[in-house]
Amino acid sequence: MRRYVAMVAWLVAAAASTATGLEVGSEFYIGSLAFSDDRTADEVALPQVFPWGGGVVVDQQIDDQLSIIIDFHSDPTLNYVSYTLLDYQQQFFAITLGPFFGFFNSRNTILKPGISTAVRADIPGIAFVSFRADSSIGGRLVQAGDYLQERSDVSVGFYVRNAICSVNLLTKGYIYRTADEEIVDNYLEYSFKTDLYQKNVPYRVLLSFAYQERSKSFIDVVTRDSVVHRLRSVVLGTTLAMQMSDWLLIELGLDSSIFSFGDAGDELLALPTSGIAQYLFNATLAVRVQVDALAERRRR
């Protein structure tokens, strides 16, 4: 976490004196609602571990319609990913397009290229629909260390008084080859989200109700026999966004499992029954800084 904070501080200090339309942000997450990276096919329990990670994002506004987004982060399913995206906004539609790279996920493949594309159509104040697809370039896993990353999002939403409601589908996949196995991490989420806000109030609350399924498959590269572990959860999520000043936004998020169950091969997945790990959750902390507003305040 200290490395993420140091990176954000360096970016802010380097750009604060001259930048306009520049936003720098950082995120940290930790939780127990996940499979560990080093899980093996013979495990039948969900271990009491707390995977964590984070990221840094830089959003540079070029004009009223076009911006460049640079994003480095770790993901519980996709592992390490970086994006360089062009975001073009119009009144009724938006397009986001650019390359992404998996980085340092394998000793044999330092950078794994891919393409990210997102489209959003919006009837202002009434409804919207958005699609996103990320996919690695190259579809074959030939040798140990090869991997693929994929993500897709679909959202349909509508506006009501002081709220934006949406129905969402999110899928993520990470396929990694070892000497004798292909390990497939998949994530599936169906959710309903409500973004609550009020004019001139510096707080927003995002409420979500979701069904999430995490799976980890172990496939023998010779026989193609497979063992699949699944963790299914009904999750209640809350995110509080606080506009602390004209230059600082802080977001606190918590996803809590209401009910979880699963299987590990032919056996039921044994969930923790005591201690803090009995509470399955994911928590996030995000900080966003408007660099030009901060620089203006420093000049006063």
C-alpha atoms as a PDB file:
ATOM      1  CA  MET A   1       0.000   0.000   0.000  1.00  0.00           C
ATOM      2  CA  ARG A   2       2.910   2.404   0.731  1.00  0.00           C
ATOM      3  CA  ARG A   3       4.062   1.998  -2.888  1.00  0.00           C
ATOM      4  CA  TYR A   4       0.626   3.010  -4.215  1.00  0.00           C
ATOM      5  CA  VAL A   5       0.491   6.072  -1.944  1.00  0.00           C
ATOM      6  CA  ALA A   6       4.049   7.068  -2.908  1.00  0.00           C
ATOM      7  CA  MET A   7       3.228   6.763  -6.626  1.00  0.00           C
ATOM      8  CA  VAL A   8       0.146   8.963  -6.286  1.00  0.00           C
ATOM      9  CA  ALA A   9       2.088  11.551  -4.271  1.00  0.00           C
ATOM     10  CA  TRP A  10       4.821  11.645  -6.926  1.00  0.00           C
ATOM     11  CA  LEU A  11       2.316  12.111  -9.757  1.00  0.00           C
ATOM     12  CA  VAL A  12       0.552  14.920  -7.920  1.00  0.00           C
ATOM     13  CA  ALA A  13       3.811  16.711  -7.107  1.00  0.00           C
ATOM     14  CA  ALA A  14       5.109  16.398 -10.676  1.00  0.00           C
ATOM     15  CA  ALA A  15       1.953  17.789 -12.284  1.00  0.00           C
ATOM     16  CA  ALA A  16       0.555  20.212  -9.723  1.00  0.00           C
ATOM     17  CA  SER A  17       2.263  23.362 -11.007  1.00  0.00           C
ATOM     18  CA  THR A  18       1.189  23.160 -14.664  1.00  0.00           C
ATOM     19  CA  ALA A  19      -1.581  20.598 -15.242  1.00  0.00           C
ATOM     20  CA  THR A  20      -5.136  21.476 -16.215  1.00  0.00           C
ATOM     21  CA  GLY A  21      -7.970  18.973 -16.314  1.00  0.00           C
ATOM     22  CA  LEU A  22      -5.814  16.314 -14.659  1.00  0.00           C
ATOM     23  CA  GLU A  23      -7.184  13.836 -12.134  1.00  0.00           C
ATOM     24  CA  VAL A  24      -4.990  11.376 -10.232  1.00  0.00           C
ATOM     25  CA  GLY A  25      -6.454   8.555  -8.192  1.00  0.00           C
ATOM     26  CA  SER A  26      -5.484   5.500  -6.197  1.00  0.00           C
ATOM     27  CA  GLU A  27      -7.411   2.506  -4.846  1.00  0.00           C
ATOM     28  CA  PHE A  28      -6.686  -0.141  -2.242  1.00  0.00           C
ATOM     29  CA  TYR A  29      -8.775  -3.279  -1.640  1.00  0.00           C
ATOM     30  CA  ILE A  30      -8.705  -6.175   0.790  1.00  0.00           C
ATOM     31  CA  GLY A  31     -11.148  -8.988   1.517  1.00  0.00           C
ATOM     32  CA  SER A  32     -11.870 -12.644   2.092  1.00  0.00           C
ATOM     33  CA  LEU A  33     -14.525 -13.108  -0.599  1.00  0.00           C
ATOM     34  CA  ALA A  34     -12.093 -14.735  -3.053  1.00  0.00           C
ATOM     35  CA  PHE A  35      -9.984 -17.782  -3.859  1.00  0.00           C
ATOM     36  CA  SER A  36      -6.268 -17.446  -3.176  1.00  0.00           C
ATOM     37  CA  ASP A  37      -3.854 -17.350  -6.139  1.00  0.00           C
ATOM     38  CA  ASP A  38      -1.949 -20.416  -4.920  1.00  0.00           C
ATOM     39  CA  ARG A  39      -5.011 -22.626  -4.392  1.00  0.00           C
ATOM     40  CA  THR A  40      -4.554 -26.266  -5.484  1.00  0.00           C
ATOM     41  CA  ALA A  41      -7.023 -28.819  -6.835  1.00  0.00           C
ATOM     42  CA  ASP A  42      -6.974 -30.970  -3.677  1.00  0.00           C
ATOM     43  CA  GLU A  43      -8.097 -28.208  -1.298  1.00  0.00           C
ATOM     44  CA  VAL A  44     -11.689 -28.478  -0.044  1.00  0.00           C
ATOM     45  CA  ALA A  45     -11.824 -25.432   2.274  1.00  0.00           C
ATOM     46  CA  LEU A  46     -11.850 -21.697   1.790  1.00  0.00           C
ATOM     47  CA  PRO A  47      -8.709 -20.696   3.714  1.00  0.00           C
ATOM     48  CA  GLN A  48      -8.681 -17.783   6.148  1.00  0.00           C
ATOM     49  CA  VAL A  49      -6.634 -15.435   3.973  1.00  0.00           C
ATOM     50  CA  PHE A  50      -7.220 -11.827   2.916  1.00  0.00           C
ATOM     51  CA  PRO A  51      -6.021 -11.130  -0.643  1.00  0.00           C
ATOM     52  CA  TRP A  52      -5.291  -7.456  -1.215  1.00  0.00           C
ATOM     53  CA  GLY A  53      -4.175  -5.112  -3.980  1.00  0.00           C
ATOM     54  CA  GLY A  54      -4.711  -1.705  -5.499  1.00  0.00           C
ATOM     55  CA  GLY A  55      -3.924   0.594  -8.364  1.00  0.00           C
ATOM     56  CA  VAL A  56      -3.229   4.055  -9.721  1.00  0.00           C
ATOM     57  CA  VAL A  57      -5.156   5.927 -12.434  1.00  0.00           C
ATOM     58  CA  VAL A  58      -4.390   9.180 -14.272  1.00  0.00           C
ATOM     59  CA  ASP A  59      -7.152  10.927 -16.257  1.00  0.00           C
ATOM     60  CA  GLN A  60      -5.980  13.848 -18.432  1.00  0.00           C
ATOM     61  CA  GLN A  61      -8.708  16.000 -20.002  1.00  0.00           C
ATOM     62  CA  ILE A  62      -7.648  17.179 -23.461  1.00  0.00           C
ATOM     63  CA  ASP A  63     -10.816  19.151 -24.282  1.00  0.00           C
ATOM     64  CA  ASP A  64     -14.517  19.071 -23.400  1.00  0.00           C
ATOM     65  CA  GLN A  65     -15.031  15.804 -25.255  1.00  0.00           C
ATOM     66  CA  LEU A  66     -11.727  13.901 -25.224  1.00  0.00           C
ATOM     67  CA  SER A  67      -9.543  12.577 -22.430  1.00  0.00           C
ATOM     68  CA  ILE A  68      -6.702  10.078 -21.961  1.00  0.00           C
ATOM     69  CA  ILE A  69      -6.876   7.505 -19.170  1.00  0.00           C
ATOM     70  CA  ILE A  70      -3.809   5.623 -17.904  1.00  0.00           C
ATOM     71  CA  ASP A  71      -4.579   2.913 -15.360  1.00  0.00           C
ATOM     72  CA  PHE A  72      -2.333   0.462 -13.501  1.00  0.00           C
ATOM     73  CA  HIS A  73      -4.011  -1.919 -11.062  1.00  0.00           C
ATOM     74  CA  SER A  74      -4.242  -5.424  -9.693  1.00  0.00           C
ATOM     75  CA  ASP A  75      -7.504  -7.362  -9.879  1.00  0.00           C
ATOM     76  CA  PRO A  76      -8.557 -10.369  -7.743  1.00  0.00           C
ATOM     77  CA  THR A  77      -9.378 -12.324 -10.928  1.00  0.00           C
ATOM     78  CA  LEU A  78      -7.311 -10.754 -13.737  1.00  0.00           C
ATOM     79  CA  ASN A  79      -4.150 -10.114 -11.672  1.00  0.00           C
ATOM     80  CA  TYR A  80      -1.998  -7.203 -12.922  1.00  0.00           C
ATOM     81  CA  VAL A  81      -3.376  -5.054 -15.756  1.00  0.00           C
ATOM     82  CA  SER A  82      -2.515  -1.664 -17.269  1.00  0.00           C
ATOM     83  CA  TYR A  83      -4.697   0.417 -19.619  1.00  0.00           C
ATOM     84  CA  THR A  84      -4.043   3.349 -21.949  1.00  0.00           C
ATOM     85  CA  LEU A  85      -7.427   4.543 -23.203  1.00  0.00           C
ATOM     86  CA  LEU A  86      -8.927   7.361 -25.259  1.00  0.00           C
ATOM     87  CA  ASP A  87     -12.333   8.417 -23.927  1.00  0.00           C
ATOM     88  CA  TYR A  88     -14.568  10.396 -26.321  1.00  0.00           C
ATOM     89  CA  GLN A  89     -17.791  11.859 -24.883  1.00  0.00           C
ATOM     90  CA  GLN A  90     -20.797  13.284 -26.734  1.00  0.00           C
ATOM     91  CA  GLN A  91     -24.218  14.223 -25.436  1.00  0.00           C
ATOM     92  CA  PHE A  92     -25.863  10.968 -26.526  1.00  0.00           C
ATOM     93  CA  PHE A  93     -22.960   8.522 -26.716  1.00  0.00           C
ATOM     94  CA  ALA A  94     -19.437   7.794 -25.504  1.00  0.00           C
ATOM     95  CA  ILE A  95     -16.651   5.584 -26.855  1.00  0.00           C
ATOM     96  CA  THR A  96     -13.616   4.371 -24.921  1.00  0.00           C
ATOM     97  CA  LEU A  97     -10.906   2.513 -26.820  1.00  0.00           C
ATOM     98  CA  GLY A  98      -7.297   1.523 -26.344  1.00  0.00           C
ATOM     99  CA  PRO A  99      -4.740  -1.184 -25.571  1.00  0.00           C
ATOM    100  CA  PHE A 100      -4.273  -2.949 -22.267  1.00  0.00           C
ATOM    101  CA  PHE A 101      -1.391  -5.078 -21.053  1.00  0.00           C
ATOM    102  CA  GLY A 102      -1.129  -7.840 -18.518  1.00  0.00           C
ATOM    103  CA  PHE A 103       2.204  -7.182 -16.835  1.00  0.00           C
ATOM    104  CA  PHE A 104       4.472  -9.271 -14.590  1.00  0.00           C
ATOM    105  CA  ASN A 105       1.891 -12.068 -14.333  1.00  0.00           C
ATOM    106  CA  SER A 106       4.402 -14.594 -15.690  1.00  0.00           C
ATOM    107  CA  ARG A 107       8.179 -14.811 -15.910  1.00  0.00           C
ATOM    108  CA  ASN A 108       7.901 -15.982 -19.508  1.00  0.00           C
ATOM    109  CA  THR A 109       5.538 -13.188 -20.624  1.00  0.00           C
ATOM    110  CA  ILE A 110       6.396  -9.812 -19.135  1.00  0.00           C
ATOM    111  CA  LEU A 111       3.735  -7.958 -21.156  1.00  0.00           C
ATOM    112  CA  LYS A 112       0.613  -9.572 -22.623  1.00  0.00           C
ATOM    113  CA  PRO A 113      -1.177  -7.215 -25.064  1.00  0.00           C
ATOM    114  CA  GLY A 114      -4.924  -6.853 -25.472  1.00  0.00           C
ATOM    115  CA  ILE A 115      -7.661  -4.484 -26.649  1.00  0.00           C
ATOM    116  CA  SER A 116     -10.324  -2.750 -24.559  1.00  0.00           C
ATOM    117  CA  THR A 117     -13.481  -1.267 -26.117  1.00  0.00           C
ATOM    118  CA  ALA A 118     -16.486   0.353 -24.439  1.00  0.00           C
ATOM    119  CA  VAL A 119     -19.589   2.020 -25.893  1.00  0.00           C
ATOM    120  CA  ARG A 120     -22.340   3.898 -24.046  1.00  0.00           C
ATOM    121  CA  ALA A 121     -25.584   5.316 -25.458  1.00  0.00           C
ATOM    122  CA  ASP A 122     -27.422   7.809 -23.279  1.00  0.00           C
ATOM    123  CA  ILE A 123     -30.789   9.570 -23.387  1.00  0.00           C
ATOM    124  CA  PRO A 124     -29.969  12.279 -20.815  1.00  0.00           C
ATOM    125  CA  GLY A 125     -32.178  12.153 -17.774  1.00  0.00           C
ATOM    126  CA  ILE A 126     -34.081   9.082 -19.016  1.00  0.00           C
ATOM    127  CA  ALA A 127     -32.037   5.935 -19.695  1.00  0.00           C
ATOM    128  CA  PHE A 128     -28.687   4.531 -20.864  1.00  0.00           C
ATOM    129  CA  VAL A 129     -27.077   1.313 -22.053  1.00  0.00           C
ATOM    130  CA  SER A 130     -23.367   0.459 -22.050  1.00  0.00           C
ATOM    131  CA  PHE A 131     -21.147  -2.375 -23.270  1.00  0.00           C
ATOM    132  CA  ARG A 132     -17.491  -3.133 -22.617  1.00  0.00           C
ATOM    133  CA  ALA A 133     -15.191  -5.909 -23.800  1.00  0.00           C
ATOM    134  CA  ASP A 134     -11.512  -6.534 -22.944  1.00  0.00           C
ATOM    135  CA  SER A 135      -9.624  -9.419 -24.512  1.00  0.00           C
ATOM    136  CA  SER A 136      -6.010 -10.513 -24.751  1.00  0.00           C
ATOM    137  CA  ILE A 137      -4.537 -10.853 -28.246  1.00  0.00           C
ATOM    138  CA  GLY A 138      -3.772 -14.479 -29.095  1.00  0.00           C
ATOM    139  CA  GLY A 139      -5.947 -17.405 -28.152  1.00  0.00           C
ATOM    140  CA  ARG A 140      -3.535 -20.314 -27.592  1.00  0.00           C
ATOM    141  CA  LEU A 141      -1.722 -21.449 -24.473  1.00  0.00           C
ATOM    142  CA  VAL A 142       1.315 -23.280 -25.789  1.00  0.00           C
ATOM    143  CA  GLN A 143       3.887 -23.370 -23.011  1.00  0.00           C
ATOM    144  CA  ALA A 144       4.101 -22.930 -19.258  1.00  0.00           C
ATOM    145  CA  GLY A 145       3.651 -19.281 -18.324  1.00  0.00           C
ATOM    146  CA  ASP A 146       1.230 -18.383 -21.141  1.00  0.00           C
ATOM    147  CA  TYR A 147      -2.000 -16.717 -20.038  1.00  0.00           C
ATOM    148  CA  LEU A 148      -5.120 -14.913 -21.284  1.00  0.00           C
ATOM    149  CA  GLN A 149      -7.238 -12.164 -19.707  1.00  0.00           C
ATOM    150  CA  GLU A 150     -10.849 -11.335 -20.609  1.00  0.00           C
ATOM    151  CA  ARG A 151     -13.544  -9.048 -19.243  1.00  0.00           C
ATOM    152  CA  SER A 152     -17.024  -8.037 -20.390  1.00  0.00           C
ATOM    153  CA  ASP A 153     -19.640  -5.649 -18.944  1.00  0.00           C
ATOM    154  CA  VAL A 154     -23.244  -4.955 -19.892  1.00  0.00           C
ATOM    155  CA  SER A 155     -25.342  -2.311 -18.102  1.00  0.00           C
ATOM    156  CA  VAL A 156     -28.844  -0.992 -18.674  1.00  0.00           C
ATOM    157  CA  GLY A 157     -29.990   1.885 -16.504  1.00  0.00           C
ATOM    158  CA  PHE A 158     -32.588   4.561 -15.984  1.00  0.00           C
ATOM    159  CA  TYR A 159     -32.844   7.848 -14.117  1.00  0.00           C
ATOM    160  CA  VAL A 160     -35.314   8.684 -11.358  1.00  0.00           C
ATOM    161  CA  ARG A 161     -35.428  11.629  -8.986  1.00  0.00           C
ATOM    162  CA  ASN A 162     -32.081  11.842  -7.144  1.00  0.00           C
ATOM    163  CA  ALA A 163     -31.022   8.354  -8.238  1.00  0.00           C
ATOM    164  CA  ILE A 164     -29.571   6.367 -11.110  1.00  0.00           C
ATOM    165  CA  CYS A 165     -30.645   2.716 -11.216  1.00  0.00           C
ATOM    166  CA  SER A 166     -29.002  -0.002 -13.313  1.00  0.00           C
ATOM    167  CA  VAL A 167     -29.068  -3.728 -14.013  1.00  0.00           C
ATOM    168  CA  ASN A 168     -25.577  -5.100 -14.680  1.00  0.00           C
ATOM    169  CA  LEU A 169     -23.756  -8.201 -15.872  1.00  0.00           C
ATOM    170  CA  LEU A 170     -20.003  -8.494 -15.312  1.00  0.00           C
ATOM    171  CA  THR A 171     -17.750 -11.415 -16.275  1.00  0.00           C
ATOM    172  CA  LYS A 172     -13.979 -11.795 -15.919  1.00  0.00           C
ATOM    173  CA  GLY A 173     -11.670 -14.650 -16.861  1.00  0.00           C
ATOM    174  CA  TYR A 174      -7.988 -15.466 -16.406  1.00  0.00           C
ATOM    175  CA  ILE A 175      -6.458 -18.616 -17.931  1.00  0.00           C
ATOM    176  CA  TYR A 176      -2.918 -19.596 -16.948  1.00  0.00           C
ATOM    177  CA  ARG A 177      -0.858 -22.581 -18.095  1.00  0.00           C
ATOM    178  CA  THR A 178       1.628 -24.455 -15.943  1.00  0.00           C
ATOM    179  CA  ALA A 179       3.740 -27.434 -17.004  1.00  0.00           C
ATOM    180  CA  ASP A 180       0.862 -29.914 -16.557  1.00  0.00           C
ATOM    181  CA  GLU A 181      -2.283 -27.841 -15.885  1.00  0.00           C
ATOM    182  CA  GLU A 182      -4.420 -25.038 -17.222  1.00  0.00           C
ATOM    183  CA  ILE A 183      -5.823 -23.013 -14.328  1.00  0.00           C
ATOM    184  CA  VAL A 184      -8.927 -20.998 -15.140  1.00  0.00           C
ATOM    185  CA  ASP A 185     -10.187 -18.239 -12.824  1.00  0.00           C
ATOM    186  CA  ASN A 186     -13.700 -17.001 -13.631  1.00  0.00           C
ATOM    187  CA  TYR A 187     -15.892 -14.367 -12.036  1.00  0.00           C
ATOM    188  CA  LEU A 188     -19.593 -13.760 -12.747  1.00  0.00           C
ATOM    189  CA  GLU A 189     -21.797 -11.058 -11.248  1.00  0.00           C
ATOM    190  CA  TYR A 190     -25.450 -10.140 -11.743  1.00  0.00           C
ATOM    191  CA  SER A 191     -26.322  -6.942  -9.889  1.00  0.00           C
ATOM    192  CA  PHE A 192     -28.859  -4.202  -9.374  1.00  0.00           C
ATOM    193  CA  LYS A 193     -27.330  -0.863  -8.361  1.00  0.00           C
ATOM    194  CA  THR A 194     -28.810   2.416  -7.176  1.00  0.00           C
ATOM    195  CA  ASP A 195     -26.650   5.547  -7.136  1.00  0.00           C
ATOM    196  CA  LEU A 196     -28.255   8.049  -4.726  1.00  0.00           C
ATOM    197  CA  TYR A 197     -27.359  11.740  -4.851  1.00  0.00           C
ATOM    198  CA  GLN A 198     -28.757  15.188  -4.112  1.00  0.00           C
ATOM    199  CA  LYS A 199     -27.864  18.504  -5.661  1.00  0.00           C
ATOM    200  CA  ASN A 200     -25.380  20.594  -3.643  1.00  0.00           C
ATOM    201  CA  VAL A 201     -24.797  17.751  -1.179  1.00  0.00           C
ATOM    202  CA  PRO A 202     -21.149  16.549  -1.166  1.00  0.00           C
ATOM    203  CA  TYR A 203     -22.054  12.903  -0.578  1.00  0.00           C
ATOM    204  CA  ARG A 204     -23.252  10.090  -2.824  1.00  0.00           C
ATOM    205  CA  VAL A 205     -24.305   6.596  -1.799  1.00  0.00           C
ATOM    206  CA  LEU A 206     -24.173   3.606  -4.142  1.00  0.00           C
ATOM    207  CA  LEU A 207     -26.222   0.602  -3.020  1.00  0.00           C
ATOM    208  CA  SER A 208     -25.970  -2.755  -4.803  1.00  0.00           C
ATOM    209  CA  PHE A 209     -27.545  -6.171  -4.490  1.00  0.00           C
ATOM    210  CA  ALA A 210     -25.695  -8.904  -6.378  1.00  0.00           C
ATOM    211  CA  TYR A 211     -25.254 -12.582  -7.033  1.00  0.00           C
ATOM    212  CA  GLN A 212     -21.567 -13.415  -7.465  1.00  0.00           C
ATOM    213  CA  GLU A 213     -19.945 -16.667  -8.567  1.00  0.00           C
ATOM    214  CA  ARG A 214     -16.225 -17.290  -8.387  1.00  0.00           C
ATOM    215  CA  SER A 215     -14.753 -20.450  -9.867  1.00  0.00           C
ATOM    216  CA  LYS A 216     -11.307 -21.956 -10.227  1.00  0.00           C
ATOM    217  CA  SER A 217     -10.828 -24.844 -12.674  1.00  0.00           C
ATOM    218  CA  PHE A 218      -7.820 -27.163 -12.822  1.00  0.00           C
ATOM    219  CA  ILE A 219      -7.544 -28.864 -16.233  1.00  0.00           C
ATOM    220  CA  ASP A 220      -4.973 -31.575 -17.002  1.00  0.00           C
ATOM    221  CA  VAL A 221      -3.256 -30.606 -20.269  1.00  0.00           C
ATOM    222  CA  VAL A 222      -2.903 -34.257 -21.375  1.00  0.00           C
ATOM    223  CA  THR A 223      -6.137 -35.970 -20.341  1.00  0.00           C
ATOM    224  CA  ARG A 224      -8.268 -32.746 -20.228  1.00  0.00           C
ATOM    225  CA  ASP A 225      -9.791 -34.006 -16.976  1.00  0.00           C
ATOM    226  CA  SER A 226     -10.880 -31.107 -14.799  1.00  0.00           C
ATOM    227  CA  VAL A 227     -11.662 -30.248 -11.189  1.00  0.00           C
ATOM    228  CA  VAL A 228     -13.782 -27.147 -10.550  1.00  0.00           C
ATOM    229  CA  HIS A 229     -14.063 -25.193  -7.297  1.00  0.00           C
ATOM    230  CA  ARG A 230     -16.942 -22.693  -6.968  1.00  0.00           C
ATOM    231  CA  LEU A 231     -17.883 -20.052  -4.424  1.00  0.00           C
ATOM    232  CA  ARG A 232     -21.399 -18.612  -4.835  1.00  0.00           C
ATOM    233  CA  SER A 233     -22.506 -15.590  -2.825  1.00  0.00           C
ATOM    234  CA  VAL A 234     -25.422 -13.227  -2.393  1.00  0.00           C
ATOM    235  CA  VAL A 235     -23.811  -9.879  -1.669  1.00  0.00           C
ATOM    236  CA  LEU A 236     -24.993  -6.523  -0.343  1.00  0.00           C
ATOM    237  CA  GLY A 237     -22.730  -3.632  -1.291  1.00  0.00           C
ATOM    238  CA  THR A 238     -22.465  -0.036  -0.086  1.00  0.00           C
ATOM    239  CA  THR A 239     -20.154   2.688  -1.379  1.00  0.00           C
ATOM    240  CA  LEU A 240     -19.956   6.168   0.154  1.00  0.00           C
ATOM    241  CA  ALA A 241     -18.386   8.919  -1.992  1.00  0.00           C
ATOM    242  CA  MET A 242     -17.390  12.055  -0.068  1.00  0.00           C
ATOM    243  CA  GLN A 243     -16.373  15.284  -1.838  1.00  0.00           C
ATOM    244  CA  MET A 244     -14.091  16.603   0.886  1.00  0.00           C
ATOM    245  CA  SER A 245     -13.131  19.742  -1.069  1.00  0.00           C
ATOM    246  CA  ASP A 246     -13.020  21.037  -4.630  1.00  0.00           C
ATOM    247  CA  TRP A 247      -9.915  18.905  -5.230  1.00  0.00           C
ATOM    248  CA  LEU A 248     -10.328  15.781  -3.057  1.00  0.00           C
ATOM    249  CA  LEU A 249     -12.821  12.900  -3.379  1.00  0.00           C
ATOM    250  CA  ILE A 250     -12.740   9.881  -1.049  1.00  0.00           C
ATOM    251  CA  GLU A 251     -14.729   6.678  -1.633  1.00  0.00           C
ATOM    252  CA  LEU A 252     -15.279   3.918   0.934  1.00  0.00           C
ATOM    253  CA  GLY A 253     -16.809   0.644  -0.239  1.00  0.00           C
ATOM    254  CA  LEU A 254     -17.861  -2.580   1.467  1.00  0.00           C
ATOM    255  CA  ASP A 255     -19.333  -5.729  -0.109  1.00  0.00           C
ATOM    256  CA  SER A 256     -20.710  -8.136   2.498  1.00  0.00           C
ATOM    257  CA  SER A 257     -21.801 -11.712   1.853  1.00  0.00           C
ATOM    258  CA  ILE A 258     -25.323 -12.362   3.092  1.00  0.00           C
ATOM    259  CA  PHE A 259     -25.110 -16.041   2.183  1.00  0.00           C
ATOM    260  CA  SER A 260     -22.327 -18.094   0.594  1.00  0.00           C
ATOM    261  CA  PHE A 261     -22.003 -21.710  -0.453  1.00  0.00           C
ATOM    262  CA  GLY A 262     -19.953 -23.700  -2.934  1.00  0.00           C
ATOM    263  CA  ASP A 263     -18.250 -26.912  -3.926  1.00  0.00           C
ATOM    264  CA  ALA A 264     -14.695 -28.140  -4.403  1.00  0.00           C
ATOM    265  CA  GLY A 265     -14.689 -30.949  -6.918  1.00  0.00           C
ATOM    266  CA  ASP A 266     -17.070 -33.616  -5.624  1.00  0.00           C
ATOM    267  CA  GLU A 267     -17.243 -32.179  -2.089  1.00  0.00           C
ATOM    268  CA  LEU A 268     -18.944 -29.187  -0.523  1.00  0.00           C
ATOM    269  CA  LEU A 269     -16.689 -26.171  -0.071  1.00  0.00           C
ATOM    270  CA  ALA A 270     -15.893 -25.832   3.630  1.00  0.00           C
ATOM    271  CA  LEU A 271     -16.324 -22.181   4.643  1.00  0.00           C
ATOM    272  CA  PRO A 272     -14.702 -20.684   7.763  1.00  0.00           C
ATOM    273  CA  THR A 273     -16.877 -21.240  10.844  1.00  0.00           C
ATOM    274  CA  SER A 274     -15.007 -19.125  13.402  1.00  0.00           C
ATOM    275  CA  GLY A 275     -12.863 -16.023  13.641  1.00  0.00           C
ATOM    276  CA  ILE A 276     -12.946 -12.908  11.506  1.00  0.00           C
ATOM    277  CA  ALA A 277     -12.670 -14.976   8.291  1.00  0.00           C
ATOM    278  CA  GLN A 278     -16.210 -16.260   8.964  1.00  0.00           C
ATOM    279  CA  TYR A 279     -17.363 -12.837   7.730  1.00  0.00           C
ATOM    280  CA  LEU A 280     -16.808 -12.871   3.953  1.00  0.00           C
ATOM    281  CA  PHE A 281     -16.299  -9.380   2.567  1.00  0.00           C
ATOM    282  CA  ASN A 282     -14.415  -7.122   0.180  1.00  0.00           C
ATOM    283  CA  ALA A 283     -13.518  -3.566   1.233  1.00  0.00           C
ATOM    284  CA  THR A 284     -12.129  -0.729  -0.886  1.00  0.00           C
ATOM    285  CA  LEU A 285     -10.671   2.723  -0.285  1.00  0.00           C
ATOM    286  CA  ALA A 286     -10.264   5.110  -3.224  1.00  0.00           C
ATOM    287  CA  VAL A 287      -8.834   8.635  -3.314  1.00  0.00           C
ATOM    288  CA  ARG A 288      -9.129  11.002  -6.295  1.00  0.00           C
ATOM    289  CA  VAL A 289      -7.323  14.335  -6.596  1.00  0.00           C
ATOM    290  CA  GLN A 290      -8.181  17.133  -9.051  1.00  0.00           C
ATOM    291  CA  VAL A 291      -4.637  18.349  -9.632  1.00  0.00           C
ATOM    292  CA  ASP A 292      -5.472  21.710 -11.256  1.00  0.00           C
ATOM    293  CA  ALA A 293      -7.828  22.631  -8.393  1.00  0.00           C
ATOM    294  CA  LEU A 294      -5.129  21.659  -5.886  1.00  0.00           C
ATOM    295  CA  ALA A 295      -2.531  23.727  -7.748  1.00  0.00           C
ATOM    296  CA  GLU A 296      -4.855  26.748  -7.797  1.00  0.00           C
ATOM    297  CA  ARG A 297      -5.346  26.456  -4.051  1.00  0.00           C
ATOM    298  CA  ARG A 298      -1.581  26.301  -3.487  1.00  0.00           C
ATOM    299  CA  ARG A 299      -1.075  29.483  -5.506  1.00  0.00           C
ATOM    300  CA  ARG A 300      -3.518  31.475  -3.367  1.00  0.00           C
END
